[in-house]
């Protein structure tokens, strides 16, 4: 269904590449994604260009198969070039890929934040990763100001995990 929506609306000449992008998306939800990383992964097996990949990703986004979340940076240029995080429109789609409870929870929180965003157009959503490797899963910005930092974890019973998550919030703040 998704593939048909894309093929009817856009000039897709490499259907095999589109299939590969769908396949990789189902296995890479709630993870970082960049055109460069996809190109490096696919260039050995397919005749593909970075430009084609960069064109096809928005087609899949427009078909509401997934969303690509930008990194929060002060510089607009950095926001554009930084890797994005991929979230599926429905966590049920992960049944066709690599099911993971932690990533499902993160994806479900993302979907809820998108619902909030639809009723408040001033909201912007981002992810953040610092130079030290600390990561804040969601940064909620309203009217140009950071309103909320959100961490998502399926299990905080481990002291090490709890420390890592709280430290990331502190670094992000």
Protein backbone atom coordinates (compact mmCIF):
# COMPACT_ATOMS: atom_id res chain seq x y z
CA UNK A 1 0.00 0.00 0.00
CA UNK A 2 2.75 2.46 0.97
CA UNK A 3 4.78 1.57 -2.09
CA UNK A 4 1.76 2.11 -4.34
CA UNK A 5 1.12 5.53 -2.77
CA UNK A 6 4.70 6.53 -3.52
CA UNK A 7 4.77 5.09 -7.04
CA UNK A 8 1.53 6.82 -8.04
CA UNK A 9 2.67 10.24 -6.85
CA UNK A 10 6.37 10.37 -7.62
CA UNK A 11 8.74 9.55 -10.50
CA UNK A 12 10.36 6.47 -8.93
CA UNK A 13 12.59 4.68 -11.41
CA UNK A 14 14.40 2.41 -8.98
CA UNK A 15 11.65 0.36 -7.32
CA UNK A 16 14.24 -2.05 -5.90
CA UNK A 17 15.87 0.83 -4.01
CA UNK A 18 12.46 1.87 -2.69
CA UNK A 19 11.91 -1.70 -1.43
CA UNK A 20 15.31 -1.66 0.26
CA UNK A 21 14.52 1.65 1.97
CA UNK A 22 11.23 0.22 3.24
CA UNK A 23 13.02 -2.90 4.49
CA UNK A 24 15.74 -0.89 6.25
CA UNK A 25 13.14 1.42 7.81
CA UNK A 26 11.30 -1.50 9.39
CA UNK A 27 14.55 -2.64 10.97
CA UNK A 28 15.89 0.79 11.90
CA UNK A 29 12.99 2.55 13.57
CA UNK A 30 13.93 4.72 16.58
CA UNK A 31 17.52 4.80 15.30
CA UNK A 32 19.70 7.33 13.54
CA UNK A 33 19.61 7.56 9.78
CA UNK A 34 21.50 9.63 7.24
CA UNK A 35 21.69 9.69 3.47
CA UNK A 36 25.45 9.07 3.73
CA UNK A 37 25.02 5.97 5.89
CA UNK A 38 22.35 4.57 3.58
CA UNK A 39 24.52 5.27 0.55
CA UNK A 40 27.51 3.46 2.11
CA UNK A 41 25.28 0.52 2.96
CA UNK A 42 23.65 0.23 -0.47
CA UNK A 43 26.30 1.32 -2.99
CA UNK A 44 28.00 -2.08 -3.07
CA UNK A 45 24.79 -3.87 -4.02
CA UNK A 46 22.87 -1.30 -6.06
CA UNK A 47 23.51 1.32 -8.65
CA UNK A 48 22.44 4.24 -6.51
CA UNK A 49 23.32 7.87 -5.85
CA UNK A 50 23.02 9.95 -2.71
CA UNK A 51 20.67 12.23 -4.61
CA UNK A 52 18.26 9.38 -5.37
CA UNK A 53 18.22 8.28 -1.72
CA UNK A 54 17.71 11.89 -0.63
CA UNK A 55 14.75 12.11 -3.04
CA UNK A 56 13.12 8.82 -2.03
CA UNK A 57 13.16 9.38 1.75
CA UNK A 58 10.74 12.35 1.60
CA UNK A 59 8.47 10.29 -0.68
CA UNK A 60 8.12 7.70 2.08
CA UNK A 61 7.60 10.45 4.63
CA UNK A 62 4.85 12.02 2.51
CA UNK A 63 3.16 8.60 2.27
CA UNK A 64 3.11 8.59 6.11
CA UNK A 65 5.23 5.47 6.38
CA UNK A 66 7.70 7.11 8.73
CA UNK A 67 8.87 10.43 10.12
CA UNK A 68 12.44 11.72 10.20
CA UNK A 69 13.15 13.73 13.34
CA UNK A 70 15.82 16.44 13.12
CA UNK A 71 18.54 16.99 15.70
CA UNK A 72 18.16 20.01 17.97
CA UNK A 73 20.95 22.45 17.23
CA UNK A 74 21.16 26.21 17.56
CA UNK A 75 22.46 26.50 14.00
CA UNK A 76 19.86 25.88 11.27
CA UNK A 77 22.62 24.52 9.02
CA UNK A 78 23.56 21.91 11.64
CA UNK A 79 19.90 20.88 11.95
CA UNK A 80 19.79 20.15 8.24
CA UNK A 81 23.01 18.15 7.94
CA UNK A 82 22.87 16.14 11.19
CA UNK A 83 21.57 12.54 11.11
CA UNK A 84 17.87 12.20 11.83
CA UNK A 85 15.99 9.61 13.84
CA UNK A 86 13.44 7.49 12.05
CA UNK A 87 10.03 6.76 13.61
CA UNK A 88 7.31 4.59 12.10
CA UNK A 89 3.78 5.93 11.75
CA UNK A 90 2.54 2.82 13.60
CA UNK A 91 4.47 0.58 16.01
CA UNK A 92 2.55 -2.38 14.56
CA UNK A 93 4.64 -2.04 11.40
CA UNK A 94 7.65 -3.21 13.39
CA UNK A 95 6.14 -6.72 13.27
CA UNK A 96 7.41 -6.84 9.70
CA UNK A 97 10.93 -5.92 10.79
CA UNK A 98 12.87 -6.20 14.02
CA UNK A 99 10.51 -5.95 17.00
CA UNK A 100 12.09 -4.36 20.08
CA UNK A 101 10.12 -3.33 23.18
CA UNK A 102 12.39 -0.39 24.04
CA UNK A 103 12.22 1.02 20.53
CA UNK A 104 8.44 0.40 20.43
CA UNK A 105 7.98 2.46 23.60
CA UNK A 106 10.12 5.27 22.16
CA UNK A 107 8.19 5.15 18.89
CA UNK A 108 4.85 5.22 20.77
CA UNK A 109 5.94 8.33 22.73
CA UNK A 110 6.93 9.96 19.43
CA UNK A 111 3.48 9.24 17.95
CA UNK A 112 1.82 10.81 21.02
CA UNK A 113 4.05 13.88 20.73
CA UNK A 114 3.05 14.18 17.06
CA UNK A 115 -0.62 14.10 18.14
CA UNK A 116 0.11 16.95 20.57
CA UNK A 117 1.90 18.82 17.78
CA UNK A 118 -1.11 18.50 15.47
CA UNK A 119 -3.25 20.41 17.98
CA UNK A 120 -0.51 22.98 18.72
CA UNK A 121 1.27 24.17 15.56
CA UNK A 122 3.79 26.14 17.67
CA UNK A 123 5.35 22.88 18.88
CA UNK A 124 8.49 21.57 17.24
CA UNK A 125 10.05 18.18 17.99
CA UNK A 126 13.73 17.29 17.87
CA UNK A 127 16.23 14.80 19.26
CA UNK A 128 19.56 15.83 20.80
CA UNK A 129 22.91 14.15 21.08
CA UNK A 130 25.87 15.88 22.69
CA UNK A 131 29.54 15.57 21.82
CA UNK A 132 30.06 13.37 24.88
CA UNK A 133 27.54 10.85 23.55
CA UNK A 134 24.71 11.76 25.93
CA UNK A 135 21.36 11.67 24.19
CA UNK A 136 17.99 13.24 24.96
CA UNK A 137 15.36 11.30 23.07
CA UNK A 138 12.94 14.20 22.53
CA UNK A 139 13.33 17.97 22.77
CA UNK A 140 10.00 19.79 22.68
CA UNK A 141 10.30 23.40 21.53
CA UNK A 142 7.45 25.89 21.67
CA UNK A 143 7.69 29.35 20.19
CA UNK A 144 11.44 28.99 19.66
CA UNK A 145 12.18 28.03 23.30
CA UNK A 146 12.87 24.59 24.70
CA UNK A 147 9.82 23.62 26.71
CA UNK A 148 10.57 20.04 27.67
CA UNK A 149 13.22 17.32 27.50
CA UNK A 150 11.91 13.76 27.40
CA UNK A 151 13.79 10.52 28.01
CA UNK A 152 12.23 7.18 27.13
CA UNK A 153 13.25 3.85 28.59
CA UNK A 154 11.36 0.57 28.82
CA UNK A 155 13.13 -0.34 32.07
CA UNK A 156 14.81 1.84 34.69
CA UNK A 157 15.35 -0.87 37.29
CA UNK A 158 19.08 -1.04 36.56
CA UNK A 159 21.06 1.64 38.45
CA UNK A 160 23.49 2.12 35.54
CA UNK A 161 20.64 2.73 33.06
CA UNK A 162 18.88 5.12 35.43
CA UNK A 163 22.09 7.11 35.96
CA UNK A 164 22.78 7.29 32.21
CA UNK A 165 19.25 8.54 31.44
CA UNK A 166 19.24 11.22 34.16
CA UNK A 167 22.75 12.37 33.28
CA UNK A 168 21.68 12.80 29.65
CA UNK A 169 18.80 15.03 30.78
CA UNK A 170 21.18 17.11 32.88
CA UNK A 171 23.67 17.47 30.00
CA UNK A 172 20.86 18.31 27.59
CA UNK A 173 19.47 20.96 29.90
